[in-house]
């Protein structure tokens, strides 16, 4: 938590903290002055036998000072609370922003390490925990020790016998606090992990709602959630039950201390060692000491939880993405060439290779297709081009330059990527299309829609380009989602277009027309197509056949039909001999 605070606090926030310290000192001065003035009034009444308190100018003078102390204390408390909330809120907003940016820079490897549900928890729940700790710390951690020290100084100058009773009460308070700290702290880390699992279970259920209902698996999902929920509840109850003894225990100590002070004080008064006013002041100071420890105990409840949250956030912030920028933007006269040189790849911590010794060259303007059985490594292969992962061995080149030498933003400027599952964002259709190129004109948007065969259905909507897309594109069909995703890539006019099985949701007629339009309008653009359907790739300049991560065929459709058995099996399983000819 200390590392996180020192790395994210701004200079002006440190100045505000100093201002808070100043107002806290003023607040403590006022609070410590009240018991002394109260004791003076009581002494005046008892010792001087003041019959008419209302007419006593001396009592009124002391009372006015008490009133000023009270108003000063209230004003300082309000200011400290406001400034503490300001600092904590600004800090949490900055950390949330930095965390979001950090996660955005992660490669797929880091995303798999932390998991989506855990990153969501860290960006919301964990940051809220730290915000609460900072607010309480600024308000109480500075106030409580200073108040206790000031009150102890006042007490120690009054009567040592009463001081020793107060010291005993403080000792009991410390036992309560440290016992709770030792027992409860380990549970906070467990509770945050259960929070991750709750988010994961909820997210899984909501994203897979159609499948859950289709298989009548509501009870199974409820049981899975209930198991995690009960574990979380059990941990939370343990913490709350144990913590529930803290306040009553402290209240009991405070009450017994007041009783002990009054009991011993009565003997001291009878012996003339202290007067009633002094005893009253001492009693108030003793309560202030114990109340300071009550405030500290509240911090001991929140700080361990905040520390766990800070550790989880710091873990994300200090993680460096395995995919790092190259030294700069390499100069090259080539546009649209992709080359794989003896590329092999395996996922982190995996034993076997997903891709082995892949070598091929896609020249500018060519269409290169990849086909193979499920799990053959087609999607993994093209994911190495935009550097979702880096090759384990060998190198991937774009325009004659190793992709690792590019700045990621410069590399992405050359690419138009259409994922296997069409991804749309909440907003209008026009906003989603311009996501690829925000300066696009309406005519360029319309052209992209025509090429992707999305123009007709878009302009059937009442709002046309302003038609609102729901989160995740849930209010359009799979085929419509894919065509809009293709339009988004086309409008960018990239050197290289990558289609990761992006035609799978299209019917054969739309698929054929779309590819013809692509060929007509993107002659100079290199197209890399992953596909399952032979009909989609028959006209490609090169077809690469993958099997268990290895290249088992490379050539045109006609060449592969003659010399690649695996390609023949795939082809004959989908089309007749006449259709293949």
Protein backbone atom coordinates (compact mmCIF):
# COMPACT_ATOMS: atom_id res chain seq x y z
CA UNK A 1 0.00 0.00 0.00
CA UNK A 2 2.88 2.37 0.81
CA UNK A 3 4.45 1.71 -2.61
CA UNK A 4 1.15 2.33 -4.33
CA UNK A 5 0.46 5.58 -2.46
CA UNK A 6 3.96 7.00 -2.97
CA UNK A 7 3.93 6.11 -6.67
CA UNK A 8 0.48 7.62 -7.39
CA UNK A 9 0.15 10.61 -5.04
CA UNK A 10 0.63 13.99 -6.76
CA UNK A 11 2.64 16.84 -5.24
CA UNK A 12 -0.44 18.96 -4.59
CA UNK A 13 -2.08 16.06 -2.73
CA UNK A 14 0.89 15.97 -0.37
CA UNK A 15 0.30 19.68 0.26
CA UNK A 16 -3.36 18.92 1.02
CA UNK A 17 -2.21 16.20 3.45
CA UNK A 18 -0.04 18.80 5.21
CA UNK A 19 -3.08 21.09 5.36
CA UNK A 20 -5.11 18.22 6.84
CA UNK A 21 -2.39 17.74 9.48
CA UNK A 22 -2.65 21.44 10.36
CA UNK A 23 -6.42 21.31 10.81
CA UNK A 24 -6.11 18.08 12.81
CA UNK A 25 -3.65 19.77 15.17
CA UNK A 26 -6.11 22.64 15.60
CA UNK A 27 -8.96 20.15 16.16
CA UNK A 28 -6.94 18.29 18.84
CA UNK A 29 -6.00 21.56 20.55
CA UNK A 30 -9.70 22.44 20.79
CA UNK A 31 -10.75 18.99 21.98
CA UNK A 32 -8.03 18.82 24.63
CA UNK A 33 -8.97 22.27 25.89
CA UNK A 34 -12.62 21.39 26.58
CA UNK A 35 -12.16 19.04 29.61
CA UNK A 36 -9.78 21.49 31.27
CA UNK A 37 -12.30 24.36 30.91
CA UNK A 38 -15.12 22.12 32.11
CA UNK A 39 -13.05 21.28 35.21
CA UNK A 40 -12.47 24.98 35.82
CA UNK A 41 -16.22 25.72 35.75
CA UNK A 42 -16.95 22.87 38.19
CA UNK A 43 -14.15 24.06 40.47
CA UNK A 44 -15.52 27.60 40.38
CA UNK A 45 -19.00 26.38 41.29
CA UNK A 46 -17.88 24.02 44.09
CA UNK A 47 -14.93 25.87 45.62
CA UNK A 48 -16.23 29.46 45.35
CA UNK A 49 -19.83 28.57 46.28
CA UNK A 50 -21.25 30.44 43.33
CA UNK A 51 -24.97 30.73 44.13
CA UNK A 52 -26.11 32.24 40.85
CA UNK A 53 -24.17 30.59 38.04
CA UNK A 54 -25.93 32.67 35.37
CA UNK A 55 -24.66 35.93 36.88
CA UNK A 56 -21.06 34.78 37.33
CA UNK A 57 -18.89 36.67 34.80
CA UNK A 58 -15.94 34.31 35.40
CA UNK A 59 -18.01 31.25 34.52
CA UNK A 60 -19.36 33.03 31.44
CA UNK A 61 -15.82 33.85 30.32
CA UNK A 62 -14.75 30.22 30.61
CA UNK A 63 -17.98 29.13 28.90
CA UNK A 64 -17.31 31.42 25.93
CA UNK A 65 -13.88 29.84 25.48
CA UNK A 66 -15.50 26.37 25.61
CA UNK A 67 -17.97 27.47 22.93
CA UNK A 68 -15.12 28.69 20.70
CA UNK A 69 -13.29 25.38 21.24
CA UNK A 70 -16.43 23.44 20.26
CA UNK A 71 -17.05 25.50 17.12
CA UNK A 72 -13.37 25.24 16.15
CA UNK A 73 -13.45 21.46 16.64
CA UNK A 74 -16.60 21.08 14.50
CA UNK A 75 -15.24 23.33 11.74
CA UNK A 76 -11.90 21.50 11.64
CA UNK A 77 -13.67 18.11 11.50
CA UNK A 78 -15.77 19.22 8.51
CA UNK A 79 -12.72 20.58 6.64
CA UNK A 80 -10.61 17.48 7.37
CA UNK A 81 -13.43 15.17 6.20
CA UNK A 82 -13.85 17.15 2.96
CA UNK A 83 -10.12 17.28 2.17
CA UNK A 84 -9.66 13.58 3.03
CA UNK A 85 -12.54 12.63 0.72
CA UNK A 86 -11.08 14.85 -2.04
CA UNK A 87 -7.62 13.26 -1.82
CA UNK A 88 -8.93 9.67 -1.56
CA UNK A 89 -11.38 10.09 -4.46
CA UNK A 90 -8.81 11.71 -6.77
CA UNK A 91 -6.28 9.03 -5.86
CA UNK A 92 -8.71 6.17 -6.57
CA UNK A 93 -9.76 7.76 -9.88
CA UNK A 94 -6.11 7.97 -10.96
CA UNK A 95 -5.34 4.39 -9.92
CA UNK A 96 -8.47 3.16 -11.70
CA UNK A 97 -7.38 4.96 -14.87
CA UNK A 98 -3.80 3.63 -14.64
CA UNK A 99 -5.07 0.13 -13.98
CA UNK A 100 -7.38 0.32 -17.02
CA UNK A 101 -4.52 1.55 -19.22
CA UNK A 102 -2.21 -1.15 -17.88
CA UNK A 103 -4.70 -3.91 -18.59
CA UNK A 104 -5.17 -2.45 -22.09
CA UNK A 105 -1.43 -2.94 -22.73
CA UNK A 106 -1.44 -6.60 -21.67
CA UNK A 107 -0.86 -9.40 -24.12
CA UNK A 108 -3.05 -12.49 -24.12
CA UNK A 109 -0.56 -14.17 -21.77
CA UNK A 110 -1.10 -11.61 -18.99
CA UNK A 111 -4.87 -11.66 -19.51
CA UNK A 112 -4.89 -15.43 -19.03
CA UNK A 113 -2.68 -15.10 -15.96
CA UNK A 114 -4.98 -12.70 -14.07
CA UNK A 115 -8.34 -13.72 -15.65
CA UNK A 116 -11.02 -11.22 -16.66
CA UNK A 117 -13.14 -11.62 -13.51
CA UNK A 118 -10.15 -10.94 -11.24
CA UNK A 119 -9.16 -7.82 -13.20
CA UNK A 120 -12.73 -6.50 -12.90
CA UNK A 121 -12.65 -7.06 -9.11
CA UNK A 122 -9.28 -5.33 -8.83
CA UNK A 123 -10.52 -2.35 -10.87
CA UNK A 124 -13.65 -1.89 -8.75
CA UNK A 125 -13.86 -3.56 -5.34
CA UNK A 126 -10.14 -3.43 -4.50
CA UNK A 127 -9.78 0.25 -5.40
CA UNK A 128 -12.88 1.08 -3.31
CA UNK A 129 -11.27 -0.68 -0.33
CA UNK A 130 -8.12 1.45 -0.69
CA UNK A 131 -10.18 4.63 -1.06
CA UNK A 132 -11.93 3.89 2.24
CA UNK A 133 -8.62 3.19 3.97
CA UNK A 134 -7.07 6.46 2.77
CA UNK A 135 -10.12 8.44 3.93
CA UNK A 136 -10.08 6.79 7.35
CA UNK A 137 -6.29 7.09 7.60
CA UNK A 138 -6.29 10.81 6.89
CA UNK A 139 -9.13 11.39 9.33
CA UNK A 140 -8.23 8.98 12.14
CA UNK A 141 -4.66 7.70 11.88
CA UNK A 142 -3.29 11.19 12.42
CA UNK A 143 -5.97 12.28 14.88
CA UNK A 144 -6.04 9.24 17.20
CA UNK A 145 -2.32 9.02 18.17
CA UNK A 146 -1.99 12.80 18.58
CA UNK A 147 -5.17 12.90 20.66
CA UNK A 148 -3.97 9.99 22.81
CA UNK A 149 -0.52 11.53 23.35
CA UNK A 150 -2.01 14.94 24.23
CA UNK A 151 -4.51 13.38 26.63
CA UNK A 152 -1.78 11.21 28.23
CA UNK A 153 0.37 14.30 28.84
CA UNK A 154 -2.60 16.03 30.49
CA UNK A 155 -3.32 12.92 32.59
CA UNK A 156 0.27 12.33 33.70
CA UNK A 157 0.47 15.81 35.19
CA UNK A 158 -2.69 15.28 37.25
CA UNK A 159 -2.46 12.16 39.41
CA UNK A 160 -0.21 9.09 38.97
CA UNK A 161 -2.61 6.65 40.69
CA UNK A 162 -5.38 7.49 38.24
CA UNK A 163 -2.82 7.41 35.40
CA UNK A 164 -1.86 3.79 36.20
CA UNK A 165 -5.54 2.75 36.07
CA UNK A 166 -5.81 4.39 32.63
CA UNK A 167 -2.60 2.62 31.49
CA UNK A 168 -4.13 -0.74 32.47
CA UNK A 169 -7.24 0.03 30.43
CA UNK A 170 -5.05 0.94 27.43
CA UNK A 171 -3.24 -2.40 27.82
CA UNK A 172 -6.56 -4.26 27.62
CA UNK A 173 -7.46 -2.24 24.52
CA UNK A 174 -4.19 -3.23 22.85
CA UNK A 175 -4.83 -6.92 23.60
CA UNK A 176 -8.24 -6.65 21.92
CA UNK A 177 -6.80 -4.90 18.84
CA UNK A 178 -3.80 -7.17 18.26
CA UNK A 179 -5.80 -10.36 18.83
CA UNK A 180 -8.27 -9.27 16.20
CA UNK A 181 -5.44 -8.26 13.85
CA UNK A 182 -3.77 -11.68 14.14
CA UNK A 183 -6.98 -13.65 13.60
CA UNK A 184 -8.82 -11.57 11.00
CA UNK A 185 -6.08 -10.35 8.61
CA UNK A 186 -5.46 -13.73 6.88
CA UNK A 187 -9.18 -13.97 6.13
CA UNK A 188 -9.23 -10.75 4.08
CA UNK A 189 -7.02 -12.23 1.37
CA UNK A 190 -9.26 -15.29 1.20
CA UNK A 191 -12.35 -13.09 0.97
CA UNK A 192 -10.97 -11.12 -2.01
CA UNK A 193 -10.27 -14.37 -3.83
CA UNK A 194 -13.86 -15.45 -3.22
CA UNK A 195 -14.96 -12.07 -4.62
CA UNK A 196 -13.04 -12.93 -7.81
CA UNK A 197 -14.81 -16.28 -7.99
CA UNK A 198 -18.22 -14.69 -7.44
CA UNK A 199 -17.58 -12.29 -10.33
CA UNK A 200 -16.36 -15.14 -12.50
CA UNK A 201 -19.42 -17.27 -11.76
CA UNK A 202 -21.82 -14.36 -12.36
CA UNK A 203 -20.08 -13.32 -15.59
CA UNK A 204 -20.02 -16.90 -16.87
CA UNK A 205 -23.73 -17.31 -16.18
CA UNK A 206 -24.72 -14.03 -17.87
CA UNK A 207 -22.54 -14.44 -20.98
CA UNK A 208 -23.65 -18.05 -21.44
CA UNK A 209 -27.33 -17.46 -20.61
CA UNK A 210 -28.61 -18.91 -23.90
CA UNK A 211 -26.65 -22.13 -23.45
CA UNK A 212 -27.72 -22.40 -19.80
CA UNK A 213 -31.40 -22.15 -20.78
CA UNK A 214 -31.04 -24.39 -23.83
CA UNK A 215 -29.69 -27.19 -21.63
CA UNK A 216 -31.99 -26.41 -18.66
CA UNK A 217 -28.86 -26.02 -16.57
CA UNK A 218 -30.17 -23.24 -14.33
CA UNK A 219 -29.99 -25.50 -11.27
CA UNK A 220 -26.38 -26.48 -12.07
CA UNK A 221 -25.36 -22.82 -12.40
CA UNK A 222 -27.21 -21.95 -9.19
CA UNK A 223 -25.37 -24.73 -7.36
CA UNK A 224 -21.99 -23.54 -8.67
CA UNK A 225 -22.75 -19.96 -7.61
CA UNK A 226 -24.20 -21.11 -4.28
CA UNK A 227 -21.04 -23.04 -3.45
CA UNK A 228 -18.82 -19.98 -3.95
CA UNK A 229 -21.39 -17.68 -2.30
CA UNK A 230 -21.57 -19.86 0.82
CA UNK A 231 -17.76 -19.92 1.11
CA UNK A 232 -17.67 -16.13 0.79
CA UNK A 233 -20.52 -15.75 3.32
CA UNK A 234 -18.82 -18.10 5.77
CA UNK A 235 -15.60 -16.07 5.62
CA UNK A 236 -17.46 -12.76 5.89
CA UNK A 237 -19.46 -14.02 8.89
CA UNK A 238 -16.30 -15.20 10.63
CA UNK A 239 -14.73 -11.75 10.22
CA UNK A 240 -17.88 -9.90 11.32
CA UNK A 241 -18.56 -12.19 14.28
CA UNK A 242 -15.01 -11.85 15.55
CA UNK A 243 -15.02 -8.09 14.92
CA UNK A 244 -18.36 -7.76 16.71
CA UNK A 245 -16.61 -8.49 20.04
CA UNK A 246 -14.26 -5.57 19.55
CA UNK A 247 -16.59 -2.60 20.11
CA UNK A 248 -18.54 -4.09 23.05
CA UNK A 249 -15.23 -5.13 24.61
CA UNK A 250 -13.83 -1.65 24.26
CA UNK A 251 -17.06 -0.11 25.53
CA UNK A 252 -16.86 -2.39 28.56
CA UNK A 253 -13.27 -1.28 29.23
CA UNK A 254 -14.28 2.39 28.90
CA UNK A 255 -17.21 1.97 31.32
CA UNK A 256 -15.11 0.13 33.88
CA UNK A 257 -12.40 2.78 33.57
CA UNK A 258 -14.94 5.53 34.28
CA UNK A 259 -16.21 3.56 37.29
CA UNK A 260 -12.66 2.94 38.58
CA UNK A 261 -11.73 6.63 38.19
CA UNK A 262 -14.86 7.71 40.10
CA UNK A 263 -14.26 5.10 42.83
CA UNK A 264 -10.58 5.97 43.35
CA UNK A 265 -11.28 9.67 42.77
CA UNK A 266 -13.74 9.75 45.69
CA UNK A 267 -10.92 8.65 48.04
CA UNK A 268 -8.50 11.14 46.50
CA UNK A 269 -11.01 13.98 46.93
CA UNK A 270 -11.62 13.04 50.57
CA UNK A 271 -7.83 13.06 51.14
CA UNK A 272 -7.57 16.46 49.41
CA UNK A 273 -5.29 15.13 46.66
CA UNK A 274 -7.63 16.24 43.86
CA UNK A 275 -10.75 18.37 43.54
CA UNK A 276 -14.03 17.55 41.78
CA UNK A 277 -13.19 19.74 38.77
CA UNK A 278 -9.80 18.05 38.35
CA UNK A 279 -11.40 14.59 38.62
CA UNK A 280 -14.00 15.49 35.97
CA UNK A 281 -11.27 16.77 33.64
CA UNK A 282 -9.16 13.64 34.27
CA UNK A 283 -12.15 11.39 33.54
CA UNK A 284 -12.74 13.14 30.21
CA UNK A 285 -9.07 12.92 29.25
CA UNK A 286 -9.02 9.20 30.09
CA UNK A 287 -12.06 8.65 27.87
CA UNK A 288 -10.31 10.59 25.10
CA UNK A 289 -7.30 8.26 25.37
CA UNK A 290 -9.49 5.17 25.10
CA UNK A 291 -11.61 6.70 22.35
CA UNK A 292 -8.40 7.28 20.38
CA UNK A 293 -7.74 3.56 20.61
CA UNK A 294 -11.29 2.86 19.42
CA UNK A 295 -10.55 4.94 16.33
CA UNK A 296 -7.28 3.07 15.82
CA UNK A 297 -9.10 -0.24 16.15
CA UNK A 298 -11.42 0.79 13.31
CA UNK A 299 -8.31 1.40 11.21
CA UNK A 300 -7.02 -2.03 12.16
CA UNK A 301 -10.22 -3.46 10.68
CA UNK A 302 -9.89 -1.63 7.36
CA UNK A 303 -6.11 -1.38 6.86
CA UNK A 304 -5.49 -5.16 6.52
CA UNK A 305 -8.27 -5.40 3.94
CA UNK A 306 -6.91 -2.35 2.13
CA UNK A 307 -3.40 -3.81 2.25
CA UNK A 308 -4.59 -6.99 0.56
CA UNK A 309 -6.37 -4.93 -2.11
CA UNK A 310 -3.29 -2.71 -2.62
CA UNK A 311 -1.13 -5.80 -3.06
CA UNK A 312 -3.50 -7.13 -5.73
CA UNK A 313 -3.54 -3.78 -7.57
CA UNK A 314 0.24 -3.37 -7.32
CA UNK A 315 0.63 -6.89 -8.72
CA UNK A 316 -1.17 -5.75 -11.89
CA UNK A 317 0.56 -2.36 -12.15
CA UNK A 318 4.07 -3.78 -11.81
CA UNK A 319 3.45 -6.58 -14.33
CA UNK A 320 5.22 -5.88 -17.59
CA UNK A 321 3.62 -7.10 -20.78
CA UNK A 322 5.65 -9.74 -22.61
CA UNK A 323 4.79 -7.85 -25.81
CA UNK A 324 6.95 -4.70 -25.81
CA UNK A 325 7.37 -1.94 -28.37
CA UNK A 326 10.24 -2.05 -30.83
CA UNK A 327 12.74 0.77 -31.09
CA UNK A 328 10.82 2.79 -33.64
CA UNK A 329 9.04 2.90 -36.99
CA UNK A 330 11.27 1.07 -39.48
CA UNK A 331 11.53 2.63 -42.94
CA UNK A 332 10.55 0.29 -45.78
CA UNK A 333 9.40 0.70 -49.38
CA UNK A 334 7.47 -2.59 -49.33
CA UNK A 335 3.77 -2.45 -48.51
CA UNK A 336 1.73 -5.49 -47.59
CA UNK A 337 4.26 -8.34 -47.54
CA UNK A 338 4.01 -10.94 -44.77
CA UNK A 339 6.71 -13.54 -44.24
CA UNK A 340 7.07 -16.40 -41.75
CA UNK A 341 10.60 -17.79 -41.34
CA UNK A 342 10.81 -21.14 -39.51
CA UNK A 343 8.24 -20.00 -36.97
CA UNK A 344 7.43 -22.24 -34.01
CA UNK A 345 5.19 -21.33 -31.11
CA UNK A 346 4.04 -22.76 -27.83
CA UNK A 347 1.91 -21.20 -25.13
CA UNK A 348 3.56 -20.25 -21.81
CA UNK A 349 3.99 -23.25 -19.48
CA UNK A 350 2.77 -25.62 -22.23
CA UNK A 351 4.85 -28.68 -23.01
CA UNK A 352 4.19 -29.10 -26.73
CA UNK A 353 4.40 -26.73 -29.69
CA UNK A 354 1.20 -25.42 -31.26
CA UNK A 355 3.06 -24.42 -34.44
CA UNK A 356 6.23 -26.03 -35.82
CA UNK A 357 8.59 -24.65 -38.46
CA UNK A 358 6.08 -22.57 -40.44
CA UNK A 359 7.57 -20.78 -43.45
CA UNK A 360 5.75 -18.92 -46.23
CA UNK A 361 5.61 -15.54 -47.94
CA UNK A 362 2.49 -13.50 -48.81
CA UNK A 363 3.31 -10.84 -51.41
CA UNK A 364 1.49 -7.49 -51.66
CA UNK A 365 -2.00 -7.87 -53.12
CA UNK A 366 -2.09 -11.67 -52.74
CA UNK A 367 -4.78 -13.69 -51.01
CA UNK A 368 -3.35 -16.39 -48.74
CA UNK A 369 -5.72 -18.84 -47.07
CA UNK A 370 -5.22 -21.22 -44.14
CA UNK A 371 -7.25 -24.36 -43.68
CA UNK A 372 -7.05 -27.40 -41.45
CA UNK A 373 -8.89 -29.38 -38.83
CA UNK A 374 -9.95 -27.88 -35.50
CA UNK A 375 -6.91 -27.29 -33.30
CA UNK A 376 -4.44 -27.32 -36.17
CA UNK A 377 -3.12 -23.85 -35.23
CA UNK A 378 -4.73 -21.63 -37.90
CA UNK A 379 -5.90 -18.84 -35.57
CA UNK A 380 -2.72 -19.04 -33.50
CA UNK A 381 -0.67 -18.53 -36.68
CA UNK A 382 -2.36 -15.30 -37.75
CA UNK A 383 -2.42 -14.04 -34.13
CA UNK A 384 1.38 -13.83 -34.34
CA UNK A 385 1.13 -11.08 -37.00
CA UNK A 386 -0.56 -8.37 -34.82
CA UNK A 387 1.57 -9.66 -31.90
CA UNK A 388 -1.18 -11.00 -29.70
CA UNK A 389 1.63 -13.46 -28.99
CA UNK A 390 5.27 -13.48 -30.10
CA UNK A 391 6.85 -16.42 -31.90
CA UNK A 392 8.79 -18.77 -29.64
CA UNK A 393 11.29 -19.53 -32.41
CA UNK A 394 11.88 -17.99 -35.83
CA UNK A 395 10.48 -14.63 -36.85
CA UNK A 396 7.42 -13.02 -38.43
CA UNK A 397 8.08 -10.17 -40.84
CA UNK A 398 5.78 -7.45 -42.15
CA UNK A 399 7.14 -5.45 -45.09
CA UNK A 400 10.53 -7.09 -44.61
CA UNK A 401 10.84 -6.02 -40.95
CA UNK A 402 10.53 -8.29 -37.91
CA UNK A 403 7.23 -7.43 -36.18
CA UNK A 404 9.13 -7.16 -32.88
CA UNK A 405 11.04 -4.17 -34.27
CA UNK A 406 7.84 -2.16 -34.81
CA UNK A 407 6.09 0.02 -32.31
CA UNK A 408 2.83 -1.84 -31.73
CA UNK A 409 0.77 1.18 -32.80
CA UNK A 410 2.75 1.48 -36.06
CA UNK A 411 2.33 -2.23 -36.75
CA UNK A 412 -1.42 -2.05 -36.08
CA UNK A 413 -1.73 0.87 -38.50
CA UNK A 414 -0.72 -1.53 -41.28
CA UNK A 415 -3.26 -4.18 -40.29
CA UNK A 416 -7.02 -4.62 -40.49
CA UNK A 417 -8.09 -7.46 -38.19
CA UNK A 418 -11.47 -9.22 -38.17
CA UNK A 419 -11.75 -11.73 -35.29
CA UNK A 420 -13.51 -15.07 -35.48
CA UNK A 421 -16.26 -13.80 -33.22
CA UNK A 422 -17.50 -10.40 -34.40
CA UNK A 423 -17.07 -7.79 -31.68
CA UNK A 424 -19.25 -4.67 -31.64
CA UNK A 425 -19.34 -1.91 -29.03
CA UNK A 426 -22.29 -0.08 -27.54
CA UNK A 427 -23.05 2.93 -29.72
CA UNK A 428 -24.33 3.68 -33.22
CA UNK A 429 -23.47 1.64 -36.31
CA UNK A 430 -21.53 4.63 -37.65
CA UNK A 431 -19.46 4.81 -34.44
CA UNK A 432 -18.66 1.11 -34.72
CA UNK A 433 -17.57 1.41 -38.37
CA UNK A 434 -15.49 4.53 -37.67
CA UNK A 435 -13.77 2.66 -34.85
CA UNK A 436 -11.33 1.59 -37.57
CA UNK A 437 -10.85 5.13 -38.92
CA UNK A 438 -12.47 7.97 -36.98
CA UNK A 439 -11.94 10.56 -39.75
CA UNK A 440 -13.94 8.58 -42.32
CA UNK A 441 -16.59 10.47 -44.31
CA UNK A 442 -20.15 9.21 -44.81
CA UNK A 443 -19.32 8.15 -48.39
CA UNK A 444 -16.36 6.09 -47.10
CA UNK A 445 -18.61 4.48 -44.47
CA UNK A 446 -21.19 3.63 -47.16
CA UNK A 447 -18.49 2.17 -49.41
CA UNK A 448 -17.21 -0.06 -46.61
CA UNK A 449 -20.78 -1.22 -45.92
CA UNK A 450 -21.33 -2.04 -49.61
CA UNK A 451 -18.13 -4.06 -49.88
CA UNK A 452 -18.95 -5.99 -46.70
CA UNK A 453 -22.55 -6.58 -47.87
CA UNK A 454 -23.91 -4.73 -44.82
CA UNK A 455 -25.35 -1.71 -46.68
CA UNK A 456 -28.81 -3.17 -47.36
CA UNK A 457 -29.64 -4.31 -43.83
CA UNK A 458 -28.15 -1.16 -42.24
CA UNK A 459 -30.32 1.16 -44.33
CA UNK A 460 -33.42 -0.89 -43.53
CA UNK A 461 -33.13 0.23 -39.91
CA UNK A 462 -35.25 3.24 -39.04
CA UNK A 463 -32.23 5.23 -37.83
CA UNK A 464 -29.89 3.81 -40.52
CA UNK A 465 -26.28 4.64 -39.53
CA UNK A 466 -27.50 6.04 -36.21
CA UNK A 467 -29.10 2.72 -35.25
CA UNK A 468 -28.00 1.92 -31.70
CA UNK A 469 -25.97 -1.26 -31.22
CA UNK A 470 -26.48 -2.93 -27.84
CA UNK A 471 -23.56 -3.96 -25.68
CA UNK A 472 -21.74 -6.83 -27.38
CA UNK A 473 -23.93 -6.42 -30.50
CA UNK A 474 -26.71 -8.47 -28.96
CA UNK A 475 -29.43 -6.79 -31.09
CA UNK A 476 -27.97 -7.90 -34.44
CA UNK A 477 -27.52 -11.40 -35.86
CA UNK A 478 -24.19 -13.24 -36.06
CA UNK A 479 -23.94 -12.64 -39.81
CA UNK A 480 -24.74 -8.94 -39.45
CA UNK A 481 -22.17 -8.65 -36.67
CA UNK A 482 -19.51 -10.25 -38.88
CA UNK A 483 -20.27 -7.99 -41.83
CA UNK A 484 -20.10 -4.86 -39.67
CA UNK A 485 -16.78 -6.09 -38.24
CA UNK A 486 -15.48 -6.59 -41.80
CA UNK A 487 -16.65 -3.06 -42.77
CA UNK A 488 -14.76 -1.69 -39.77
CA UNK A 489 -11.54 -3.31 -40.99
CA UNK A 490 -12.06 -2.28 -44.65
CA UNK A 491 -12.65 1.42 -43.91
CA UNK A 492 -9.16 1.58 -42.40
CA UNK A 493 -7.69 0.79 -45.87
CA UNK A 494 -4.84 -1.21 -44.35
CA UNK A 495 -1.94 -2.83 -46.16
CA UNK A 496 -2.89 -6.24 -44.78
CA UNK A 497 -6.37 -7.62 -44.03
CA UNK A 498 -6.59 -10.54 -41.61
CA UNK A 499 -9.79 -12.60 -41.51
CA UNK A 500 -9.89 -15.15 -38.68
CA UNK A 501 -12.71 -17.41 -39.95
CA UNK A 502 -14.71 -14.20 -40.39
CA UNK A 503 -17.04 -15.58 -43.09
CA UNK A 504 -18.36 -18.54 -41.09
CA UNK A 505 -21.72 -16.89 -40.22
CA UNK A 506 -22.41 -15.84 -43.83
CA UNK A 507 -24.48 -17.83 -46.28
CA UNK A 508 -22.71 -19.10 -49.42
CA UNK A 509 -24.19 -16.41 -51.68
CA UNK A 510 -23.21 -13.50 -49.40
CA UNK A 511 -19.79 -15.09 -48.85
CA UNK A 512 -19.16 -15.28 -52.60
CA UNK A 513 -20.34 -11.70 -53.35
CA UNK A 514 -18.35 -10.30 -50.42
CA UNK A 515 -15.12 -11.98 -51.61
CA UNK A 516 -15.70 -10.71 -55.16
CA UNK A 517 -16.17 -7.17 -53.85
CA UNK A 518 -13.05 -7.50 -51.72
CA UNK A 519 -11.05 -8.67 -54.74
CA UNK A 520 -12.35 -5.72 -56.80
CA UNK A 521 -11.82 -2.93 -54.24
CA UNK A 522 -8.74 -4.15 -52.37
CA UNK A 523 -6.45 -5.22 -55.21
CA UNK A 524 -3.30 -3.88 -53.56
CA UNK A 525 -4.19 -5.19 -50.09
CA UNK A 526 -2.75 -8.48 -48.87
CA UNK A 527 -5.52 -10.72 -47.54
CA UNK A 528 -4.90 -13.52 -45.04
CA UNK A 529 -7.96 -15.73 -44.58
CA UNK A 530 -8.53 -18.47 -42.04
CA UNK A 531 -11.51 -20.56 -43.15
CA UNK A 532 -13.25 -23.87 -42.61
CA UNK A 533 -15.11 -23.85 -45.94
CA UNK A 534 -13.32 -24.86 -49.13
CA UNK A 535 -15.66 -22.61 -51.12
CA UNK A 536 -14.31 -19.56 -49.31
CA UNK A 537 -10.66 -20.18 -50.23
CA UNK A 538 -10.72 -21.96 -53.61
CA UNK A 539 -9.74 -18.79 -55.48
CA UNK A 540 -6.86 -17.86 -53.13
CA UNK A 541 -3.40 -17.31 -54.63
CA UNK A 542 -1.93 -19.55 -51.96
CA UNK A 543 -3.54 -22.10 -49.65
CA UNK A 544 -1.65 -23.38 -46.63
CA UNK A 545 -2.88 -26.64 -45.11
CA UNK A 546 -2.14 -27.15 -41.40
CA UNK A 547 -2.31 -30.35 -39.42
CA UNK A 548 -1.27 -30.58 -35.75
CA UNK A 549 0.62 -27.30 -36.08
CA UNK A 550 2.65 -28.30 -39.13
CA UNK A 551 2.40 -27.29 -42.79
CA UNK A 552 1.33 -30.39 -44.72
CA UNK A 553 0.32 -28.60 -47.93
CA UNK A 554 1.11 -25.36 -49.75
CA UNK A 555 -0.11 -24.26 -53.17
CA UNK A 556 -3.18 -23.37 -55.19
CA UNK A 557 -6.46 -25.22 -55.01
CA UNK A 558 -5.64 -27.25 -58.11
CA UNK A 559 -2.17 -28.14 -56.89
CA UNK A 560 -3.41 -29.25 -53.50
CA UNK A 561 -6.17 -31.35 -55.01
CA UNK A 562 -3.42 -33.30 -56.76
CA UNK A 563 -0.76 -33.64 -54.08
CA UNK A 564 -2.24 -33.03 -50.59
CA UNK A 565 -4.27 -35.90 -49.13
CA UNK A 566 -5.53 -33.92 -46.10
CA UNK A 567 -6.75 -31.09 -48.33
CA UNK A 568 -8.51 -33.63 -50.55
CA UNK A 569 -10.27 -35.14 -47.53
CA UNK A 570 -11.47 -31.73 -46.39
CA UNK A 571 -12.59 -30.79 -49.91
CA UNK A 572 -14.51 -34.00 -50.63
CA UNK A 573 -16.21 -33.83 -47.22
CA UNK A 574 -17.73 -30.47 -48.19
CA UNK A 575 -18.22 -30.39 -51.97
CA UNK A 576 -18.83 -32.83 -54.78
CA UNK A 577 -16.28 -33.49 -57.53
CA UNK A 578 -18.28 -31.37 -59.97
CA UNK A 579 -18.37 -28.42 -57.56
CA UNK A 580 -14.65 -28.71 -56.91
CA UNK A 581 -13.93 -28.59 -60.63
